[in-house]
């Protein structure tokens, strides 16, 4: 059916609605976690084959951590918007633009704004993930000395700690949304299940 002049197509969802929809942020986080899991599985298999062959080579663990970092950022921002509805004074949009305190990758500060309690080890992990987000996509940081934490070796403990953090963020999101947004029960296996549904209406 033709649209009347000036009427927006149904696909054009208002910017503020998308920003204020925690499920939209969670959906992107799940996509990132799924991609990180696929890459992690491939990297671990490649590492094992190299070990059996007595060879050494670069693997994609830095990119895995970067993707997990972006997923953490999306979940934290989902919690923030769940606690700050569109009509509220702390909603992170001003004049059609994300406000500065929200439009950054400073995970420890974003966690504070979200009102999250994090342990010292979790805060350290958030700082590491922040560095992966900012420097993991380049061979070096933006300036000398930055990005060194992304060049270290990785192990099972790294994945375990990150997935535990992501699980905590999922639970906090469910709590912040009053149960309207459900925590995913198995983030490590999220790439092995059916594709996620589109976010339902929120608010």
Foldseek 3Di string as FASTA:
>chain_A
DDDDPPDDDPVDDDPLQCLLALVNLLLLLLVLLLVLLVQVVVQVVVVVVCVVVVHDDDGLVLVSLLSLLSSLLSLLSSLLSLQADSPHPPRQDDPRHGDPQSPASQQLSSCVSSVHDDDPVVSVSSVLSSLSNQPVVDPAHPDPPGNPSSPDDDDPVNVVVSVVSSQVSLVSSCVSNVNPRHRDPDSSCSNVDDRDDDDDRGD
